[in-house]
N, C-alpha and C. Protein backbone atom coordinates (compact mmCIF):
# COMPACT_ATOMS: atom_id res chain seq x y z
N MET A 1 28.45 -35.07 -55.47
CA MET A 1 29.20 -33.85 -55.56
C MET A 1 28.23 -32.67 -55.54
N GLN A 2 28.39 -31.76 -54.63
CA GLN A 2 27.55 -30.58 -54.56
C GLN A 2 28.19 -29.43 -55.30
N THR A 3 27.34 -28.56 -55.86
CA THR A 3 27.85 -27.37 -56.52
C THR A 3 27.52 -26.16 -55.68
N ASN A 4 28.23 -25.08 -55.91
CA ASN A 4 27.90 -23.82 -55.25
C ASN A 4 28.09 -22.69 -56.25
N GLU A 5 27.71 -21.48 -55.86
CA GLU A 5 27.77 -20.36 -56.79
C GLU A 5 29.18 -20.02 -57.22
N ASN A 6 30.19 -20.49 -56.53
CA ASN A 6 31.58 -20.19 -56.88
C ASN A 6 32.19 -21.23 -57.81
N GLU A 7 31.49 -22.31 -58.04
CA GLU A 7 32.06 -23.38 -58.84
C GLU A 7 31.90 -23.08 -60.32
N HIS A 8 32.97 -23.08 -61.06
CA HIS A 8 32.90 -22.82 -62.49
C HIS A 8 34.00 -23.58 -63.21
N LEU A 9 33.59 -24.32 -64.20
CA LEU A 9 34.53 -25.04 -65.06
C LEU A 9 35.61 -25.80 -64.30
N GLY A 10 35.20 -26.47 -63.25
CA GLY A 10 36.13 -27.32 -62.52
C GLY A 10 36.97 -26.65 -61.48
N THR A 11 36.84 -25.35 -61.30
CA THR A 11 37.63 -24.66 -60.28
C THR A 11 36.73 -24.36 -59.10
N ASN A 12 36.86 -25.11 -58.05
CA ASN A 12 36.02 -24.88 -56.88
C ASN A 12 36.88 -24.79 -55.62
N ARG A 13 38.07 -24.25 -55.78
CA ARG A 13 38.98 -24.09 -54.65
C ARG A 13 39.11 -22.61 -54.32
N PRO A 14 39.36 -22.28 -53.07
CA PRO A 14 39.60 -20.87 -52.74
C PRO A 14 40.89 -20.38 -53.40
N THR A 15 40.95 -19.09 -53.63
CA THR A 15 42.13 -18.46 -54.21
C THR A 15 42.96 -17.83 -53.08
N PRO A 16 44.18 -17.40 -53.34
CA PRO A 16 44.99 -16.81 -52.27
C PRO A 16 44.33 -15.62 -51.58
N LEU A 17 43.48 -14.88 -52.27
CA LEU A 17 42.81 -13.73 -51.67
C LEU A 17 41.47 -14.06 -51.03
N SER A 18 41.05 -15.32 -51.09
CA SER A 18 39.76 -15.72 -50.52
C SER A 18 39.72 -15.47 -49.02
N ARG A 19 38.57 -15.02 -48.57
CA ARG A 19 38.39 -14.78 -47.13
C ARG A 19 37.82 -15.99 -46.42
N THR A 20 37.14 -16.87 -47.16
CA THR A 20 36.59 -18.10 -46.60
C THR A 20 36.94 -19.25 -47.54
N LYS A 21 36.77 -20.47 -47.08
CA LYS A 21 37.12 -21.62 -47.92
C LYS A 21 36.14 -21.81 -49.08
N ASN A 22 34.97 -21.18 -49.03
CA ASN A 22 33.99 -21.31 -50.10
C ASN A 22 34.00 -20.13 -51.07
N GLU A 23 34.90 -19.17 -50.87
CA GLU A 23 34.93 -17.98 -51.71
C GLU A 23 36.05 -18.07 -52.74
N ILE A 24 35.75 -17.64 -53.96
CA ILE A 24 36.77 -17.51 -54.99
C ILE A 24 36.88 -16.02 -55.28
N ARG A 25 38.01 -15.44 -54.94
CA ARG A 25 38.22 -14.00 -55.10
C ARG A 25 39.42 -13.79 -56.03
N PRO A 26 39.18 -13.22 -57.21
CA PRO A 26 40.30 -12.99 -58.13
C PRO A 26 41.25 -11.91 -57.63
N ALA A 27 42.49 -11.97 -58.05
CA ALA A 27 43.50 -11.00 -57.64
C ALA A 27 43.38 -9.69 -58.42
N SER A 28 42.69 -9.72 -59.55
CA SER A 28 42.52 -8.52 -60.37
C SER A 28 41.14 -8.56 -61.03
N PRO A 29 40.70 -7.46 -61.62
CA PRO A 29 39.39 -7.46 -62.29
C PRO A 29 39.31 -8.56 -63.35
N VAL A 30 38.11 -9.11 -63.52
CA VAL A 30 37.89 -10.17 -64.49
C VAL A 30 36.74 -9.80 -65.42
N ASN A 31 36.71 -10.41 -66.57
CA ASN A 31 35.60 -10.28 -67.51
C ASN A 31 34.85 -11.59 -67.55
N ILE A 32 33.54 -11.53 -67.37
CA ILE A 32 32.71 -12.72 -67.48
C ILE A 32 32.55 -13.02 -68.97
N VAL A 33 32.97 -14.18 -69.40
CA VAL A 33 32.92 -14.52 -70.82
C VAL A 33 31.92 -15.62 -71.13
N VAL A 34 31.30 -16.19 -70.10
CA VAL A 34 30.35 -17.28 -70.31
C VAL A 34 29.16 -17.08 -69.39
N ARG A 35 27.99 -17.33 -69.91
CA ARG A 35 26.78 -17.36 -69.09
C ARG A 35 26.12 -18.71 -69.33
N VAL A 36 25.76 -19.41 -68.28
CA VAL A 36 25.14 -20.72 -68.40
C VAL A 36 23.67 -20.51 -68.73
N ALA A 37 23.24 -21.05 -69.88
CA ALA A 37 21.87 -20.86 -70.35
C ALA A 37 20.92 -21.93 -69.85
N ASP A 38 21.43 -22.97 -69.23
CA ASP A 38 20.61 -24.08 -68.76
C ASP A 38 20.88 -24.30 -67.28
N ASP A 39 20.48 -25.43 -66.77
CA ASP A 39 20.64 -25.76 -65.36
C ASP A 39 22.12 -26.00 -65.03
N PRO A 40 22.76 -25.13 -64.23
CA PRO A 40 24.19 -25.30 -63.94
C PRO A 40 24.51 -26.54 -63.11
N SER A 41 23.50 -27.15 -62.49
CA SER A 41 23.78 -28.36 -61.70
C SER A 41 24.25 -29.51 -62.59
N LYS A 42 24.01 -29.42 -63.88
CA LYS A 42 24.50 -30.46 -64.81
C LYS A 42 26.02 -30.55 -64.79
N PHE A 43 26.69 -29.45 -64.46
CA PHE A 43 28.15 -29.45 -64.40
C PHE A 43 28.68 -30.31 -63.26
N SER A 44 27.85 -30.61 -62.28
CA SER A 44 28.32 -31.43 -61.15
C SER A 44 28.69 -32.84 -61.59
N LYS A 45 28.19 -33.26 -62.75
CA LYS A 45 28.49 -34.60 -63.26
C LYS A 45 29.78 -34.63 -64.09
N VAL A 46 30.33 -33.46 -64.40
CA VAL A 46 31.56 -33.39 -65.19
C VAL A 46 32.75 -33.61 -64.27
N ARG A 47 33.57 -34.56 -64.61
CA ARG A 47 34.73 -34.88 -63.77
C ARG A 47 35.87 -33.92 -64.05
N SER A 48 36.67 -33.68 -63.05
CA SER A 48 37.83 -32.82 -63.19
C SER A 48 38.72 -33.32 -64.31
N GLY A 49 39.16 -32.42 -65.16
CA GLY A 49 40.01 -32.79 -66.28
C GLY A 49 39.26 -33.15 -67.55
N SER A 50 37.93 -33.25 -67.46
CA SER A 50 37.13 -33.56 -68.65
C SER A 50 37.16 -32.40 -69.63
N ARG A 51 37.08 -32.72 -70.90
CA ARG A 51 36.98 -31.68 -71.92
C ARG A 51 35.51 -31.35 -72.13
N ILE A 52 35.22 -30.08 -72.22
CA ILE A 52 33.86 -29.64 -72.53
C ILE A 52 33.93 -28.68 -73.71
N ARG A 53 32.82 -28.52 -74.39
CA ARG A 53 32.76 -27.59 -75.51
C ARG A 53 31.79 -26.47 -75.14
N ILE A 54 32.22 -25.25 -75.38
CA ILE A 54 31.39 -24.07 -75.13
C ILE A 54 31.03 -23.50 -76.49
N GLU A 55 29.71 -23.35 -76.73
CA GLU A 55 29.25 -22.85 -78.02
C GLU A 55 28.48 -21.56 -77.85
N LYS A 56 28.61 -20.69 -78.82
CA LYS A 56 27.86 -19.44 -78.83
C LYS A 56 26.42 -19.77 -79.22
N ILE A 57 25.46 -19.18 -78.48
CA ILE A 57 24.05 -19.41 -78.81
C ILE A 57 23.38 -18.11 -79.18
């Protein structure tokens, strides 16, 4: 499974406003609430539907 800059928390599909199949474009402004402090490629091993825990550091 490959990851890309648009992949986050199991959502790697284009949105209705996406211009390309690899783009995720929100319909309204968003707030970034998480920053990955380690290697994001580790998320490629997480299966869809898996529960993950996000902790404040």
